[in-house]
Protein backbone atom coordinates (compact mmCIF):
# COMPACT_ATOMS: atom_id res chain seq x y z
CA UNK A 1 -47.39 -40.62 -12.26
CA UNK A 2 -48.22 -37.58 -10.14
CA UNK A 3 -48.78 -34.31 -11.48
CA UNK A 4 -46.55 -31.54 -11.30
CA UNK A 5 -46.96 -28.55 -8.92
CA UNK A 6 -48.73 -25.89 -10.35
CA UNK A 7 -47.00 -23.34 -7.90
CA UNK A 8 -42.73 -23.41 -8.31
CA UNK A 9 -40.74 -22.98 -5.09
CA UNK A 10 -39.79 -19.38 -5.89
CA UNK A 11 -43.10 -18.39 -6.57
CA UNK A 12 -44.74 -19.65 -3.18
CA UNK A 13 -41.36 -18.42 -1.41
CA UNK A 14 -41.87 -14.87 -3.22
CA UNK A 15 -45.29 -14.94 -1.89
CA UNK A 16 -44.62 -16.63 0.94
CA UNK A 17 -42.59 -13.23 2.16
CA UNK A 18 -45.47 -10.78 0.42
CA UNK A 19 -42.42 -10.01 -2.02
CA UNK A 20 -39.66 -10.32 0.53
CA UNK A 21 -37.43 -13.28 -0.17
CA UNK A 22 -35.81 -15.09 3.22
CA UNK A 23 -32.34 -15.70 2.38
CA UNK A 24 -29.89 -18.60 3.85
CA UNK A 25 -26.32 -17.46 4.98
CA UNK A 26 -23.32 -17.85 2.54
CA UNK A 27 -20.05 -18.56 3.69
CA UNK A 28 -16.88 -18.64 1.54
CA UNK A 29 -13.37 -19.71 2.42
CA UNK A 30 -10.14 -17.82 0.55
CA UNK A 31 -7.09 -19.88 1.09
CA UNK A 32 -5.18 -16.57 1.01
CA UNK A 33 -6.50 -15.33 3.80
CA UNK A 34 -6.87 -15.82 8.15
CA UNK A 35 -9.93 -15.19 8.79
CA UNK A 36 -10.85 -11.90 11.27
CA UNK A 37 -13.48 -13.78 13.26
CA UNK A 38 -16.52 -11.06 13.55
CA UNK A 39 -18.66 -12.21 11.37
CA UNK A 40 -20.85 -14.02 13.62
CA UNK A 41 -19.51 -17.61 12.49
CA UNK A 42 -18.86 -19.99 15.65
CA UNK A 43 -15.58 -20.82 16.26
CA UNK A 44 -15.20 -23.92 15.73
CA UNK A 45 -16.60 -23.78 12.02
CA UNK A 46 -13.99 -20.90 10.49
CA UNK A 47 -11.63 -24.25 8.81
CA UNK A 48 -14.96 -26.23 8.96
CA UNK A 49 -14.08 -27.16 5.11
CA UNK A 50 -10.92 -28.10 5.50
CA UNK A 51 -7.39 -26.34 5.49
CA UNK A 52 -6.02 -26.92 2.38
CA UNK A 53 -9.23 -24.59 1.67
CA UNK A 54 -8.07 -22.22 4.12
CA UNK A 55 -10.34 -20.24 6.44
CA UNK A 56 -13.96 -18.44 6.41
CA UNK A 57 -13.41 -15.12 6.26
CA UNK A 58 -15.76 -14.05 3.68
CA UNK A 59 -20.19 -13.87 3.89
CA UNK A 60 -21.67 -13.53 0.52
CA UNK A 61 -25.03 -10.98 0.28
CA UNK A 62 -27.93 -11.01 -2.31
CA UNK A 63 -25.45 -13.37 -4.64
CA UNK A 64 -25.98 -14.56 -7.80
CA UNK A 65 -22.21 -14.76 -8.62
CA UNK A 66 -20.22 -17.47 -8.19
CA UNK A 67 -16.83 -17.63 -6.40
CA UNK A 68 -14.11 -18.30 -8.22
CA UNK A 69 -11.74 -20.33 -5.83
CA UNK A 70 -9.95 -22.93 -7.81
CA UNK A 71 -10.13 -26.35 -8.14
CA UNK A 72 -11.64 -27.27 -4.86
CA UNK A 73 -14.43 -24.79 -4.97
CA UNK A 74 -17.36 -26.07 -3.96
CA UNK A 75 -20.46 -26.60 -5.93
CA UNK A 76 -22.99 -23.32 -5.78
CA UNK A 77 -20.10 -22.16 -3.75
CA UNK A 78 -20.93 -18.27 -3.31
CA UNK A 79 -24.14 -18.38 -4.57
CA UNK A 80 -27.17 -17.13 -2.34
CA UNK A 81 -30.21 -19.02 -1.28
CA UNK A 82 -33.76 -18.72 -0.94
CA UNK A 83 -35.40 -20.38 1.61
CA UNK A 84 -39.29 -21.47 2.09
CA UNK A 85 -40.97 -22.95 4.60
CA UNK A 86 -44.00 -25.23 4.13
CA UNK A 87 -44.52 -25.68 8.07
CA UNK A 88 -42.61 -29.02 8.43
CA UNK A 89 -39.57 -28.36 6.63
CA UNK A 90 -37.34 -25.39 5.15
CA UNK A 91 -36.96 -26.19 1.44
CA UNK A 92 -33.98 -23.96 -0.55
CA UNK A 93 -33.82 -22.82 -3.99
CA UNK A 94 -31.18 -20.10 -5.39
CA UNK A 95 -31.41 -16.89 -4.94
CA UNK A 96 -30.05 -17.00 -8.82
CA UNK A 97 -32.70 -19.93 -10.10
CA UNK A 98 -35.45 -17.95 -8.30
CA UNK A 99 -34.28 -14.95 -10.54
CA UNK A 100 -33.69 -16.30 -13.50
CA UNK A 101 -37.48 -17.83 -13.73
CA UNK A 102 -39.75 -14.90 -12.07
CA UNK A 103 -37.64 -12.35 -13.78
CA UNK A 104 -39.11 -8.63 -12.97
CA UNK A 105 -41.29 -9.93 -10.36
CA UNK A 106 -38.19 -10.02 -8.35
CA UNK A 107 -35.50 -7.46 -9.56
CA UNK A 108 -38.04 -5.06 -11.54
CA UNK A 109 -38.27 -4.46 -15.08
CA UNK A 110 -35.91 -1.91 -15.51
CA UNK A 111 -32.69 -4.60 -14.51
CA UNK A 112 -34.37 -7.67 -16.19
CA UNK A 113 -34.15 -5.67 -19.62
CA UNK A 114 -31.05 -4.48 -19.22
CA UNK A 115 -29.18 -6.76 -17.78
CA UNK A 116 -31.25 -10.37 -17.54
CA UNK A 117 -30.14 -10.89 -13.78
CA UNK A 118 -29.14 -9.61 -10.51
CA UNK A 119 -25.77 -7.83 -11.41
CA UNK A 120 -24.50 -7.21 -8.26
CA UNK A 121 -23.40 -8.49 -4.47
CA UNK A 122 -22.34 -7.63 -1.53
CA UNK A 123 -20.25 -9.29 1.03
CA UNK A 124 -18.54 -9.42 4.97
CA UNK A 125 -14.84 -9.57 3.94
CA UNK A 126 -13.73 -10.14 7.61
CA UNK A 127 -9.03 -10.94 7.11
CA UNK A 128 -7.18 -10.94 10.30
CA UNK A 129 -4.12 -8.93 8.49
CA UNK A 130 -4.16 -7.11 5.44
CA UNK A 131 -4.58 -8.29 2.28
CA UNK A 132 -2.19 -7.96 -1.22
CA UNK A 133 -1.44 -4.81 -2.87
CA UNK A 134 -4.34 -6.01 -5.85
CA UNK A 135 -6.77 -4.48 -8.70
CA UNK A 136 -9.85 -5.40 -10.28
CA UNK A 137 -9.75 -5.08 -14.08
CA UNK A 138 -12.51 -3.11 -15.83
CA UNK A 139 -14.56 -4.63 -18.10
CA UNK A 140 -12.36 -4.80 -21.07
CA UNK A 141 -10.14 -6.60 -19.56
CA UNK A 142 -12.30 -8.61 -18.09
CA UNK A 143 -13.84 -9.46 -21.17
CA UNK A 144 -10.89 -11.02 -22.34
CA UNK A 145 -11.27 -13.96 -20.14
CA UNK A 146 -15.55 -13.87 -20.21
CA UNK A 147 -15.57 -12.24 -16.98
CA UNK A 148 -17.52 -8.88 -16.11
CA UNK A 149 -15.39 -5.92 -14.62
CA UNK A 150 -15.45 -4.94 -11.22
CA UNK A 151 -15.56 -2.17 -9.38
CA UNK A 152 -16.56 -2.32 -5.40
CA UNK A 153 -17.15 -0.23 -2.60
CA UNK A 154 -16.18 -0.31 1.18
CA UNK A 155 -18.15 0.49 4.44
CA UNK A 156 -16.76 -0.49 7.59
CA UNK A 157 -19.90 -1.11 9.98
CA UNK A 158 -19.42 -0.29 13.85
CA UNK A 159 -21.00 -3.58 14.73
CA UNK A 160 -18.31 -5.87 13.52
CA UNK A 161 -15.23 -3.58 14.58
CA UNK A 162 -14.74 -4.10 17.66
CA UNK A 163 -11.43 -4.61 17.16
CA UNK A 164 -9.50 -3.59 13.98
CA UNK A 165 -7.20 -6.56 13.43
CA UNK A 166 -3.55 -6.54 12.73
CA UNK A 167 -3.33 -3.51 10.14
CA UNK A 168 -6.26 -1.32 10.02
CA UNK A 169 -5.05 1.00 7.61
CA UNK A 170 -5.24 0.36 3.27
CA UNK A 171 -2.85 1.35 0.69
CA UNK A 172 -4.65 3.08 -2.29
CA UNK A 173 -3.35 3.85 -5.94
CA UNK A 174 -0.07 5.09 -6.39
CA UNK A 175 2.12 7.98 -5.32
CA UNK A 176 2.16 10.92 -7.36
CA UNK A 177 5.58 11.54 -9.29
CA UNK A 178 5.98 7.46 -10.09
CA UNK A 179 7.41 6.23 -13.06
CA UNK A 180 5.95 3.43 -14.95
CA UNK A 181 8.78 1.62 -14.97
CA UNK A 182 8.89 1.67 -11.15
CA UNK A 183 5.81 -0.01 -10.99
CA UNK A 184 6.74 -2.66 -13.78
CA UNK A 185 9.97 -3.55 -12.16
CA UNK A 186 7.93 -4.43 -8.96
CA UNK A 187 5.80 -6.69 -11.77
CA UNK A 188 8.96 -8.59 -12.64
CA UNK A 189 10.39 -8.88 -9.56
CA UNK A 190 7.43 -10.55 -8.17
CA UNK A 191 9.05 -13.72 -7.69
CA UNK A 192 12.36 -12.71 -5.80
CA UNK A 193 10.73 -12.23 -2.71
CA UNK A 194 9.28 -8.89 -1.71
CA UNK A 195 8.58 -6.68 -4.66
CA UNK A 196 7.88 -3.74 -2.39
CA UNK A 197 5.20 -2.21 -4.27
CA UNK A 198 3.60 -0.65 -1.47
CA UNK A 199 6.78 1.68 -0.97
CA UNK A 200 5.08 3.51 -4.18
CA UNK A 201 1.57 3.78 -2.51
CA UNK A 202 -0.25 5.58 0.25
CA UNK A 203 -1.69 3.88 3.16
CA UNK A 204 -4.92 5.53 4.78
CA UNK A 205 -6.27 4.66 8.52
CA UNK A 206 -9.75 3.53 7.91
CA UNK A 207 -12.91 4.91 10.27
CA UNK A 208 -15.72 2.50 11.21
CA UNK A 209 -18.42 4.27 9.88
CA UNK A 210 -16.96 5.78 6.61
CA UNK A 211 -16.39 3.73 3.29
CA UNK A 212 -14.46 3.94 0.10
CA UNK A 213 -15.35 3.71 -3.28
CA UNK A 214 -12.64 1.44 -5.78
CA UNK A 215 -12.73 1.48 -9.19
CA UNK A 216 -11.77 -0.85 -11.50
CA UNK A 217 -8.22 0.14 -12.30
CA UNK A 218 -7.55 1.30 -8.70
CA UNK A 219 -4.24 -0.64 -7.09
CA UNK A 220 -5.64 -1.23 -3.32
CA UNK A 221 -4.25 -3.42 -0.38
CA UNK A 222 -7.27 -3.30 2.12
CA UNK A 223 -6.57 -3.35 5.77
CA UNK A 224 -7.79 -5.55 8.37
CA UNK A 225 -10.95 -3.71 9.83
CA UNK A 226 -14.21 -6.05 8.76
CA UNK A 227 -15.67 -4.51 5.75
CA UNK A 228 -19.24 -4.64 3.92
CA UNK A 229 -18.44 -4.46 0.38
CA UNK A 230 -21.29 -3.70 -2.57
CA UNK A 231 -19.84 -4.68 -5.86
CA UNK A 232 -20.31 -5.40 -9.37
CA UNK A 233 -21.48 -9.19 -10.11
CA UNK A 234 -18.08 -10.13 -11.00
CA UNK A 235 -14.83 -12.12 -8.95
CA UNK A 236 -12.01 -10.83 -10.85
CA UNK A 237 -8.96 -9.89 -9.90
CA UNK A 238 -4.76 -10.09 -9.40
CA UNK A 239 -2.45 -10.08 -6.97
CA UNK A 240 0.49 -7.30 -7.85
CA UNK A 241 2.17 -7.54 -4.26
CA UNK A 242 4.29 -10.51 -3.86
CA UNK A 243 4.48 -10.56 0.42
CA UNK A 244 1.98 -9.45 2.73
CA UNK A 245 2.41 -10.01 6.52
CA UNK A 246 5.43 -12.36 6.41
CA UNK A 247 3.00 -14.43 3.23
CA UNK A 248 4.63 -15.61 -0.07
CA UNK A 249 1.33 -14.92 -2.40
CA UNK A 250 1.83 -17.65 -5.28
CA UNK A 251 2.61 -16.45 -8.67
CA UNK A 252 -0.37 -17.37 -10.29
CA UNK A 253 -2.40 -15.21 -8.20
CA UNK A 254 -0.41 -12.50 -10.66
CA UNK A 255 -1.28 -13.74 -13.55
CA UNK A 256 -4.98 -14.33 -12.44
CA UNK A 257 -7.17 -12.73 -14.85
CA UNK A 258 -4.73 -12.29 -17.62
CA UNK A 259 -5.41 -13.99 -21.09
CA UNK A 260 -3.74 -17.23 -21.63
CA UNK A 261 -2.07 -15.67 -24.63
CA UNK A 262 -0.22 -12.64 -22.70
CA UNK A 263 0.62 -14.49 -19.15
CA UNK A 264 4.15 -13.77 -18.68
CA UNK A 265 3.68 -10.57 -20.33
CA UNK A 266 4.18 -7.58 -17.93
CA UNK A 267 3.02 -4.91 -20.26
CA UNK A 268 -0.32 -6.61 -19.87
CA UNK A 269 -0.17 -6.47 -16.47
CA UNK A 270 0.94 -2.35 -16.56
CA UNK A 271 -2.13 -2.18 -19.41
CA UNK A 272 -5.05 -3.23 -16.69
CA UNK A 273 -3.36 0.32 -14.20
CA UNK A 274 -5.51 3.12 -14.79
CA UNK A 275 -2.78 5.01 -14.36
CA UNK A 276 -4.39 8.93 -13.91
CA UNK A 277 -7.07 7.10 -11.64
CA UNK A 278 -3.95 6.04 -9.26
CA UNK A 279 -1.58 8.74 -9.33
CA UNK A 280 -4.84 11.26 -8.59
CA UNK A 281 -3.33 13.35 -6.01
CA UNK A 282 -7.52 14.20 -4.57
CA UNK A 283 -7.67 10.40 -4.24
CA UNK A 284 -8.93 10.89 -0.87
CA UNK A 285 -11.29 13.63 -1.74
CA UNK A 286 -12.41 12.08 -4.75
CA UNK A 287 -12.93 8.44 -3.29
CA UNK A 288 -13.41 8.65 0.87
CA UNK A 289 -16.87 8.68 1.78
CA UNK A 290 -18.96 9.18 5.00
CA UNK A 291 -22.32 8.77 4.93
CA UNK A 292 -25.20 11.21 3.71
CA UNK A 293 -28.51 11.16 5.06
CA UNK A 294 -31.47 10.44 2.31
CA UNK A 295 -33.13 13.65 3.44
CA UNK A 296 -33.83 16.16 6.61
CA UNK A 297 -32.18 14.15 9.74
CA UNK A 298 -34.51 16.29 12.16
CA UNK A 299 -37.65 14.24 9.71
CA UNK A 300 -36.17 11.32 10.01
CA UNK A 301 -36.04 11.37 13.34
CA UNK A 302 -39.09 12.92 14.02
CA UNK A 303 -40.94 9.84 11.99
CA UNK A 304 -38.40 7.23 13.99
CA UNK A 305 -35.59 6.38 11.72
CA UNK A 306 -32.65 7.58 10.34
CA UNK A 307 -31.39 6.55 6.88
CA UNK A 308 -28.00 7.48 5.38
CA UNK A 309 -26.35 6.46 1.57
CA UNK A 310 -23.05 4.76 2.97
CA UNK A 311 -22.00 3.98 -0.60
CA UNK A 312 -23.08 6.32 -3.43
CA UNK A 313 -20.08 7.34 -5.92
CA UNK A 314 -20.55 4.14 -8.27
CA UNK A 315 -23.73 3.65 -11.32
CA UNK A 316 -22.68 -0.21 -10.81
CA UNK A 317 -24.21 -0.28 -7.40
CA UNK A 318 -25.56 1.66 -4.15
CA UNK A 319 -26.00 1.10 -0.34
CA UNK A 320 -27.70 2.74 2.80
CA UNK A 321 -27.76 2.16 6.13
CA UNK A 322 -30.98 1.98 7.93
CA UNK A 323 -31.60 2.89 11.71
CA UNK A 324 -35.01 2.33 12.90
CA UNK A 325 -35.23 3.71 16.76
CA UNK A 326 -36.38 1.54 19.50
CA UNK A 327 -40.40 1.23 19.64
CA UNK A 328 -41.09 2.77 16.39
CA UNK A 329 -42.94 1.15 13.66
CA UNK A 330 -41.73 2.65 10.17
CA UNK A 331 -42.65 2.13 6.31
CA UNK A 332 -39.46 2.85 4.42
CA UNK A 333 -40.20 2.75 0.55
CA UNK A 334 -37.65 2.64 -2.80
CA UNK A 335 -37.78 2.86 -6.11
CA UNK A 336 -35.29 -0.11 -6.39
CA UNK A 337 -35.36 -4.15 -5.26
CA UNK A 338 -32.48 -4.22 -2.72
CA UNK A 339 -30.83 -7.19 -0.23
CA UNK A 340 -30.51 -6.21 3.30
CA UNK A 341 -28.55 -7.96 6.17
CA UNK A 342 -29.22 -7.18 9.88
CA UNK A 343 -26.78 -5.61 11.92
CA UNK A 344 -28.10 -4.94 15.10
CA UNK A 345 -31.68 -5.35 16.88
CA UNK A 346 -34.87 -7.35 16.29
CA UNK A 347 -38.26 -6.64 15.31
CA UNK A 348 -40.78 -6.98 12.30
CA UNK A 349 -39.80 -6.74 8.38
CA UNK A 350 -43.39 -7.23 6.55
CA UNK A 351 -44.35 -10.51 7.63
CA UNK A 352 -40.96 -11.58 8.81
CA UNK A 353 -39.44 -11.92 11.94
CA UNK A 354 -35.87 -10.19 11.79
CA UNK A 355 -33.35 -10.81 13.90
CA UNK A 356 -29.85 -10.44 14.70
CA UNK A 357 -27.80 -13.43 16.09
CA UNK A 358 -24.61 -13.14 18.13
CA UNK A 359 -22.96 -16.80 16.88
CA UNK A 360 -24.25 -18.52 13.97
CA UNK A 361 -23.02 -22.31 12.92
CA UNK A 362 -22.00 -23.35 9.24
CA UNK A 363 -25.11 -24.30 7.78
CA UNK A 364 -27.68 -22.96 10.64
CA UNK A 365 -30.55 -20.66 8.74
CA UNK A 366 -30.97 -17.51 10.23
CA UNK A 367 -33.69 -14.42 10.26
CA UNK A 368 -31.07 -11.37 9.42
CA UNK A 369 -30.68 -11.46 5.74
CA UNK A 370 -33.65 -10.84 3.16
CA UNK A 371 -33.99 -9.54 -0.81
CA UNK A 372 -37.21 -7.15 -1.61
CA UNK A 373 -38.50 -7.46 -4.79
CA UNK A 374 -38.83 -3.92 -6.55
CA UNK A 375 -42.93 -3.74 -6.04
CA UNK A 376 -42.66 -4.61 -2.19
CA UNK A 377 -39.80 -1.55 -2.15
CA UNK A 378 -41.93 1.15 -4.22
CA UNK A 379 -45.22 -0.01 -2.43
CA UNK A 380 -43.01 0.66 1.46
CA UNK A 381 -41.39 -2.13 3.72
CA UNK A 382 -43.09 -1.89 7.19
CA UNK A 383 -40.64 -2.35 9.82
CA UNK A 384 -41.16 -2.47 13.25
CA UNK A 385 -38.60 -2.14 16.38
CA UNK A 386 -40.38 -4.36 19.46
CA UNK A 387 -37.05 -3.23 21.44
CA UNK A 388 -37.37 -0.69 24.27
CA UNK A 389 -33.84 -0.02 24.15
CA UNK A 390 -32.25 -1.27 21.04
CA UNK A 391 -32.47 0.25 17.80
CA UNK A 392 -32.72 -1.62 14.71
CA UNK A 393 -29.73 -1.18 12.15
CA UNK A 394 -29.73 -2.74 8.75
CA UNK A 395 -27.36 -2.04 5.49
CA UNK A 396 -29.36 -2.00 2.13
CA UNK A 397 -27.61 -3.24 -1.23
CA UNK A 398 -29.03 -2.04 -4.64
CA UNK A 399 -28.55 -2.93 -8.23
CA UNK A 400 -27.23 -0.19 -10.70
CA UNK A 401 -28.41 3.01 -11.62
CA UNK A 402 -30.87 3.88 -8.65
CA UNK A 403 -33.42 5.89 -9.31
CA UNK A 404 -32.80 7.01 -5.74
CA UNK A 405 -29.25 8.02 -6.00
CA UNK A 406 -28.27 11.49 -7.31
CA UNK A 407 -24.46 10.86 -8.15
CA UNK A 408 -21.66 13.00 -7.90
């Protein structure tokens, strides 16, 4: 009888990366979406899971949150995996399982004590057209179906937006002066063709290199830019628009997130809407986000890098964009654990080779996504840009209550 290995796979992986875990790409299909084909998946693989599953238009990052894709959802869909190489083969363990086992060693004592899990994830959302006007429930309403509420944020990476798709404009909120009766009538008319709910909203042109804050309870119809989306660890939503881009939205998605005993109750759908949030006349001033330098831009440039907050209006998560100049060698310290994804360039990060692939096959491993433990982040992560011409650009997503972030 073989004796059990004393060191677990999670411990080996954390030790191999000296506190930085290498992650495998996590691809997620959506049956109601058409891929925008900007997330570097091979052209032959966008429908690799079969037509009934829809196209792959999302890559989930640092995720311990399972995707909610109905009865056909695959095993571990949406869950990130840690990669450990023993020299002869690559082995994988779910990031969720590694965190459940090693706890504060990965995410830090503060987050483990308060949440007992990694309470956020990010994703690339890559749709050819706009999404229907929809809503994410707050904690109170999500609790009724055993889920958590879902705030989210958007950032539009220039590297993934060489084209804007079919409709690079997003409807946010409800136009001031609209009555609740008008919105309720749209919901009642959901099965009668186009319910025209965006008649009562405003669309904003999307600009690469900027972002938006989207609290729960806010109606929004995301446009067709490829979007980086840090969000709370939840997949709860309901579609309030019945027809978009000539595609009919199934009625079941209107009631998605509604407790079974209140399906058919339009007043319940209205209760999910945070009315004052939606009719705010200063909505853009309140929720639009331009990047902000984390400290003096001149000082950072002199040190060979530039780091900016790109998502900074929510307590539930935050995100930065880090650029390391060609030929630079920098050490960056953060006071919280984070996931990261490469957007441009190649070099070294700690013990790891890091690179930005141009094309990825479904199931192929990469060296573009990692998870940095709190201990490693506090000690400082050394990044070496070995190119003479190409900057390294990476996006970093943090959990709740980032001690380095001063909320507005």
